Amino acid sequence: MPLYKDSYKLVQTIIELTSNFKREYKYTLAQDMVRTSKQLVLCLFRANSALDKREDLRAFGDYLELLKLDLRLCVDMRLISPTQHSKVWEQLEKIGRQLTGWRKAQDKKQ
């Protein structure tokens, strides 16, 4: 499943990205970002096994938006470079498009 594969890759990217954070952010913002990215994968697992996937897909979208907010904070606080931000942002946008497609497919079924 491409969405699962891309979400898993995002988890890896977030872990790598946050590994160099300053100590004061490593155990707060960085940890939250890793946890949020893992929640994305968990939501996909739940949605894939549920009859009505809409609630899990909505939660996935919420976590995706939270991760986007955290990334913007990282750039504003100069924890990551704009180049790093744009690479992760591309991944997020790709995942977001796949999510939209899956949501539309579920809406048609309902």
N, C-alpha and C. Protein backbone atom coordinates (compact mmCIF):
# COMPACT_ATOMS: atom_id res chain seq x y z
N MET A 1 0.85 -1.17 0.00
CA MET A 1 0.00 0.00 0.00
C MET A 1 0.90 1.25 0.00
N PRO A 2 0.83 2.05 -1.05
CA PRO A 2 1.73 3.21 -1.17
C PRO A 2 1.61 4.21 -0.02
N LEU A 3 0.41 4.44 0.46
CA LEU A 3 0.23 5.40 1.55
C LEU A 3 0.94 4.92 2.81
N TYR A 4 0.83 3.65 3.12
CA TYR A 4 1.52 3.09 4.29
C TYR A 4 3.04 3.22 4.10
N LYS A 5 3.51 2.86 2.93
CA LYS A 5 4.95 2.92 2.64
C LYS A 5 5.48 4.35 2.78
N ASP A 6 4.75 5.31 2.23
CA ASP A 6 5.16 6.72 2.31
C ASP A 6 5.08 7.24 3.75
N SER A 7 4.09 6.81 4.50
CA SER A 7 3.97 7.24 5.90
C SER A 7 5.09 6.65 6.75
N TYR A 8 5.44 5.41 6.50
CA TYR A 8 6.54 4.79 7.22
C TYR A 8 7.85 5.52 6.91
N LYS A 9 8.04 5.87 5.64
CA LYS A 9 9.24 6.61 5.26
C LYS A 9 9.27 7.98 5.94
N LEU A 10 8.10 8.58 6.11
CA LEU A 10 8.01 9.87 6.81
C LEU A 10 8.48 9.72 8.26
N VAL A 11 8.10 8.64 8.91
CA VAL A 11 8.54 8.39 10.29
C VAL A 11 10.07 8.37 10.33
N GLN A 12 10.67 7.66 9.39
CA GLN A 12 12.13 7.59 9.33
C GLN A 12 12.73 8.98 9.12
N THR A 13 12.14 9.74 8.22
CA THR A 13 12.64 11.09 7.93
C THR A 13 12.55 11.98 9.17
N ILE A 14 11.44 11.92 9.88
CA ILE A 14 11.25 12.74 11.08
C ILE A 14 12.26 12.35 12.16
N ILE A 15 12.51 11.07 12.32
CA ILE A 15 13.50 10.63 13.32
C ILE A 15 14.88 11.17 12.96
N GLU A 16 15.25 11.06 11.70
CA GLU A 16 16.55 11.58 11.26
C GLU A 16 16.62 13.09 11.43
N LEU A 17 15.56 13.76 11.05
CA LEU A 17 15.53 15.22 11.10
C LEU A 17 15.66 15.75 12.52
N THR A 18 15.00 15.10 13.45
CA THR A 18 14.97 15.60 14.83
C THR A 18 16.15 15.11 15.67
N SER A 19 16.94 14.22 15.14
CA SER A 19 18.05 13.67 15.93
C SER A 19 19.11 14.72 16.26
N ASN A 20 19.16 15.79 15.50
CA ASN A 20 20.16 16.84 15.74
C ASN A 20 19.58 18.07 16.44
N PHE A 21 18.39 17.97 16.96
CA PHE A 21 17.80 19.10 17.66
C PHE A 21 18.60 19.41 18.92
N LYS A 22 18.54 20.67 19.33
CA LYS A 22 19.14 21.07 20.60
C LYS A 22 18.45 20.30 21.73
N ARG A 23 19.19 20.09 22.78
CA ARG A 23 18.70 19.29 23.90
C ARG A 23 17.35 19.79 24.42
N GLU A 24 17.18 21.10 24.48
CA GLU A 24 15.94 21.65 25.03
C GLU A 24 14.71 21.34 24.19
N TYR A 25 14.91 20.99 22.91
CA TYR A 25 13.79 20.66 22.02
C TYR A 25 13.72 19.17 21.70
N LYS A 26 14.80 18.46 21.97
CA LYS A 26 14.86 17.03 21.62
C LYS A 26 13.81 16.22 22.38
N TYR A 27 13.57 16.58 23.63
CA TYR A 27 12.66 15.79 24.46
C TYR A 27 11.27 16.42 24.57
N THR A 28 11.02 17.43 23.78
CA THR A 28 9.69 18.03 23.73
C THR A 28 9.18 17.99 22.30
N LEU A 29 9.56 18.96 21.52
CA LEU A 29 9.07 19.07 20.15
C LEU A 29 9.47 17.88 19.30
N ALA A 30 10.72 17.47 19.38
CA ALA A 30 11.20 16.34 18.57
C ALA A 30 10.44 15.06 18.93
N GLN A 31 10.30 14.81 20.20
CA GLN A 31 9.59 13.61 20.65
C GLN A 31 8.13 13.63 20.20
N ASP A 32 7.51 14.80 20.28
CA ASP A 32 6.12 14.94 19.84
C ASP A 32 5.99 14.67 18.34
N MET A 33 6.94 15.16 17.57
CA MET A 33 6.89 14.96 16.12
C MET A 33 7.04 13.48 15.76
N VAL A 34 7.93 12.80 16.43
CA VAL A 34 8.10 11.36 16.18
C VAL A 34 6.83 10.62 16.57
N ARG A 35 6.28 10.96 17.71
CA ARG A 35 5.05 10.30 18.18
C ARG A 35 3.90 10.56 17.20
N THR A 36 3.77 11.78 16.73
CA THR A 36 2.71 12.13 15.79
C THR A 36 2.88 11.37 14.48
N SER A 37 4.10 11.28 13.99
CA SER A 37 4.32 10.56 12.73
C SER A 37 4.01 9.06 12.90
N LYS A 38 4.28 8.52 14.06
CA LYS A 38 3.93 7.11 14.32
C LYS A 38 2.41 6.94 14.39
N GLN A 39 1.73 7.95 14.90
CA GLN A 39 0.26 7.89 14.95
C GLN A 39 -0.34 7.80 13.54
N LEU A 40 0.33 8.43 12.58
CA LEU A 40 -0.13 8.34 11.20
C LEU A 40 -0.18 6.88 10.75
N VAL A 41 0.89 6.16 11.03
CA VAL A 41 0.96 4.76 10.63
C VAL A 41 -0.10 3.94 11.37
N LEU A 42 -0.30 4.22 12.63
CA LEU A 42 -1.31 3.52 13.41
C LEU A 42 -2.71 3.77 12.85
N CYS A 43 -3.00 5.00 12.47
CA CYS A 43 -4.31 5.32 11.88
C CYS A 43 -4.53 4.55 10.58
N LEU A 44 -3.48 4.41 9.80
CA LEU A 44 -3.59 3.63 8.55
C LEU A 44 -3.88 2.18 8.84
N PHE A 45 -3.21 1.63 9.83
CA PHE A 45 -3.45 0.25 10.22
C PHE A 45 -4.91 0.05 10.63
N ARG A 46 -5.40 0.97 11.45
CA ARG A 46 -6.79 0.88 11.91
C ARG A 46 -7.78 1.04 10.76
N ALA A 47 -7.51 2.01 9.90
CA ALA A 47 -8.41 2.25 8.76
C ALA A 47 -8.44 1.06 7.83
N ASN A 48 -7.31 0.45 7.64
CA ASN A 48 -7.22 -0.68 6.71
C ASN A 48 -8.03 -1.88 7.20
N SER A 49 -8.17 -2.01 8.52
CA SER A 49 -8.90 -3.16 9.05
C SER A 49 -10.35 -2.82 9.46
N ALA A 50 -10.75 -1.57 9.33
CA ALA A 50 -12.10 -1.16 9.74
C ALA A 50 -13.08 -1.24 8.58
N LEU A 51 -14.33 -1.47 8.90
CA LEU A 51 -15.38 -1.46 7.87
C LEU A 51 -15.66 -0.02 7.43
N ASP A 52 -15.85 0.85 8.41
CA ASP A 52 -16.05 2.27 8.12
C ASP A 52 -14.74 3.00 8.42
N LYS A 53 -14.04 3.36 7.39
CA LYS A 53 -12.69 3.90 7.51
C LYS A 53 -12.67 5.41 7.75
N ARG A 54 -13.81 6.05 7.63
CA ARG A 54 -13.84 7.52 7.66
C ARG A 54 -13.28 8.13 8.94
N GLU A 55 -13.60 7.56 10.09
CA GLU A 55 -13.12 8.12 11.36
C GLU A 55 -11.60 8.02 11.47
N ASP A 56 -11.06 6.89 11.09
CA ASP A 56 -9.60 6.72 11.14
C ASP A 56 -8.90 7.61 10.12
N LEU A 57 -9.50 7.80 8.98
CA LEU A 57 -8.91 8.69 7.96
C LEU A 57 -8.98 10.15 8.41
N ARG A 58 -10.05 10.49 9.14
CA ARG A 58 -10.15 11.85 9.68
C ARG A 58 -9.05 12.07 10.71
N ALA A 59 -8.83 11.08 11.58
CA ALA A 59 -7.77 11.18 12.59
C ALA A 59 -6.40 11.28 11.90
N PHE A 60 -6.21 10.52 10.84
CA PHE A 60 -4.97 10.58 10.07
C PHE A 60 -4.74 12.00 9.57
N GLY A 61 -5.78 12.61 9.03
CA GLY A 61 -5.69 13.99 8.53
C GLY A 61 -5.36 14.98 9.64
N ASP A 62 -5.93 14.75 10.82
CA ASP A 62 -5.64 15.63 11.97
C ASP A 62 -4.17 15.54 12.36
N TYR A 63 -3.65 14.33 12.43
CA TYR A 63 -2.24 14.15 12.78
C TYR A 63 -1.33 14.74 11.71
N LEU A 64 -1.74 14.63 10.46
CA LEU A 64 -0.97 15.20 9.36
C LEU A 64 -0.87 16.73 9.51
N GLU A 65 -1.99 17.36 9.85
CA GLU A 65 -1.99 18.81 10.05
C GLU A 65 -1.14 19.22 11.26
N LEU A 66 -1.19 18.42 12.30
CA LEU A 66 -0.38 18.70 13.49
C LEU A 66 1.11 18.62 13.15
N LEU A 67 1.48 17.65 12.34
CA LEU A 67 2.87 17.53 11.93
C LEU A 67 3.30 18.71 11.06
N LYS A 68 2.42 19.18 10.20
CA LYS A 68 2.72 20.37 9.39
C LYS A 68 2.97 21.59 10.28
N LEU A 69 2.15 21.74 11.30
CA LEU A 69 2.33 22.84 12.25
C LEU A 69 3.68 22.75 12.95
N ASP A 70 4.01 21.55 13.42
CA ASP A 70 5.30 21.36 14.10
C ASP A 70 6.46 21.68 13.17
N LEU A 71 6.35 21.30 11.92
CA LEU A 71 7.42 21.60 10.96
C LEU A 71 7.59 23.10 10.74
N ARG A 72 6.48 23.80 10.65
CA ARG A 72 6.56 25.26 10.51
C ARG A 72 7.24 25.89 11.73
N LEU A 73 6.90 25.37 12.91
CA LEU A 73 7.54 25.85 14.14
C LEU A 73 9.05 25.61 14.10
N CYS A 74 9.44 24.45 13.60
CA CYS A 74 10.87 24.12 13.52
C CYS A 74 11.62 25.10 12.63
N VAL A 75 11.01 25.49 11.54
CA VAL A 75 11.66 26.46 10.64
C VAL A 75 11.72 27.82 11.32
N ASP A 76 10.62 28.24 11.90
CA ASP A 76 10.58 29.55 12.56
C ASP A 76 11.56 29.64 13.72
N MET A 77 11.79 28.53 14.39
CA MET A 77 12.71 28.51 15.53
C MET A 77 14.13 28.16 15.09
N ARG A 78 14.30 28.02 13.80
CA ARG A 78 15.61 27.71 13.20
C ARG A 78 16.20 26.38 13.68
N LEU A 79 15.31 25.41 13.89
CA LEU A 79 15.76 24.07 14.26
C LEU A 79 16.08 23.24 13.02
N ILE A 80 15.40 23.57 11.93
CA ILE A 80 15.69 22.93 10.65
C ILE A 80 15.83 24.02 9.59
N SER A 81 16.50 23.69 8.53
CA SER A 81 16.71 24.67 7.45
C SER A 81 15.50 24.67 6.52
N PRO A 82 15.33 25.74 5.76
CA PRO A 82 14.26 25.75 4.76
C PRO A 82 14.36 24.60 3.75
N THR A 83 15.58 24.19 3.43
CA THR A 83 15.77 23.07 2.51
C THR A 83 15.26 21.77 3.13
N GLN A 84 15.58 21.54 4.39
CA GLN A 84 15.07 20.36 5.08
C GLN A 84 13.55 20.40 5.16
N HIS A 85 13.04 21.57 5.44
CA HIS A 85 11.59 21.75 5.53
C HIS A 85 10.92 21.39 4.21
N SER A 86 11.47 21.88 3.12
CA SER A 86 10.83 21.63 1.82
C SER A 86 10.85 20.15 1.45
N LYS A 87 11.91 19.44 1.82
CA LYS A 87 11.97 18.00 1.54
C LYS A 87 10.88 17.24 2.30
N VAL A 88 10.72 17.57 3.57
CA VAL A 88 9.70 16.90 4.37
C VAL A 88 8.31 17.34 3.90
N TRP A 89 8.18 18.61 3.55
CA TRP A 89 6.89 19.14 3.09
C TRP A 89 6.42 18.40 1.83
N GLU A 90 7.34 18.07 0.94
CA GLU A 90 6.99 17.30 -0.26
C GLU A 90 6.41 15.95 0.12
N GLN A 91 7.02 15.31 1.10
CA GLN A 91 6.50 14.02 1.58
C GLN A 91 5.10 14.19 2.15
N LEU A 92 4.90 15.24 2.94
CA LEU A 92 3.60 15.47 3.54
C LEU A 92 2.53 15.74 2.48
N GLU A 93 2.89 16.50 1.47
CA GLU A 93 1.94 16.80 0.40
C GLU A 93 1.56 15.54 -0.37
N LYS A 94 2.53 14.70 -0.64
CA LYS A 94 2.27 13.43 -1.34
C LYS A 94 1.33 12.56 -0.52
N ILE A 95 1.58 12.47 0.77
CA ILE A 95 0.72 11.70 1.66
C ILE A 95 -0.67 12.31 1.71
N GLY A 96 -0.75 13.63 1.76
CA GLY A 96 -2.04 14.32 1.79
C GLY A 96 -2.87 14.04 0.55
N ARG A 97 -2.23 14.01 -0.61
CA ARG A 97 -2.97 13.71 -1.86
C ARG A 97 -3.51 12.27 -1.83
N GLN A 98 -2.71 11.36 -1.33
CA GLN A 98 -3.17 9.97 -1.24
C GLN A 98 -4.33 9.84 -0.26
N LEU A 99 -4.24 10.56 0.84
CA LEU A 99 -5.32 10.56 1.82
C LEU A 99 -6.61 11.09 1.20
N THR A 100 -6.51 12.18 0.47
CA THR A 100 -7.69 12.76 -0.19
C THR A 100 -8.33 11.75 -1.13
N GLY A 101 -7.52 11.06 -1.89
CA GLY A 101 -8.05 10.04 -2.80
C GLY A 101 -8.77 8.93 -2.06
N TRP A 102 -8.21 8.47 -0.96
CA TRP A 102 -8.83 7.41 -0.19
C TRP A 102 -10.13 7.89 0.45
N ARG A 103 -10.13 9.12 0.94
CA ARG A 103 -11.35 9.69 1.52
C ARG A 103 -12.47 9.77 0.48
N LYS A 104 -12.13 10.24 -0.70
CA LYS A 104 -13.14 10.34 -1.76
C LYS A 104 -13.71 8.97 -2.11
N ALA A 105 -12.84 7.98 -2.18
CA ALA A 105 -13.30 6.62 -2.47
C ALA A 105 -14.23 6.12 -1.37
N GLN A 106 -13.92 6.43 -0.12
CA GLN A 106 -14.78 6.00 0.99
C GLN A 106 -16.12 6.73 0.97
N ASP A 107 -16.11 8.01 0.62
CA ASP A 107 -17.35 8.77 0.54
C ASP A 107 -18.27 8.22 -0.54
N LYS A 108 -17.70 7.77 -1.64
CA LYS A 108 -18.52 7.18 -2.71
C LYS A 108 -19.16 5.88 -2.26
N LYS A 109 -18.44 5.11 -1.45
CA LYS A 109 -18.98 3.84 -0.95
C LYS A 109 -20.14 4.07 0.01
N GLN A 110 -20.08 5.16 0.76
CA GLN A 110 -21.12 5.45 1.76
C GLN A 110 -22.25 6.11 1.08
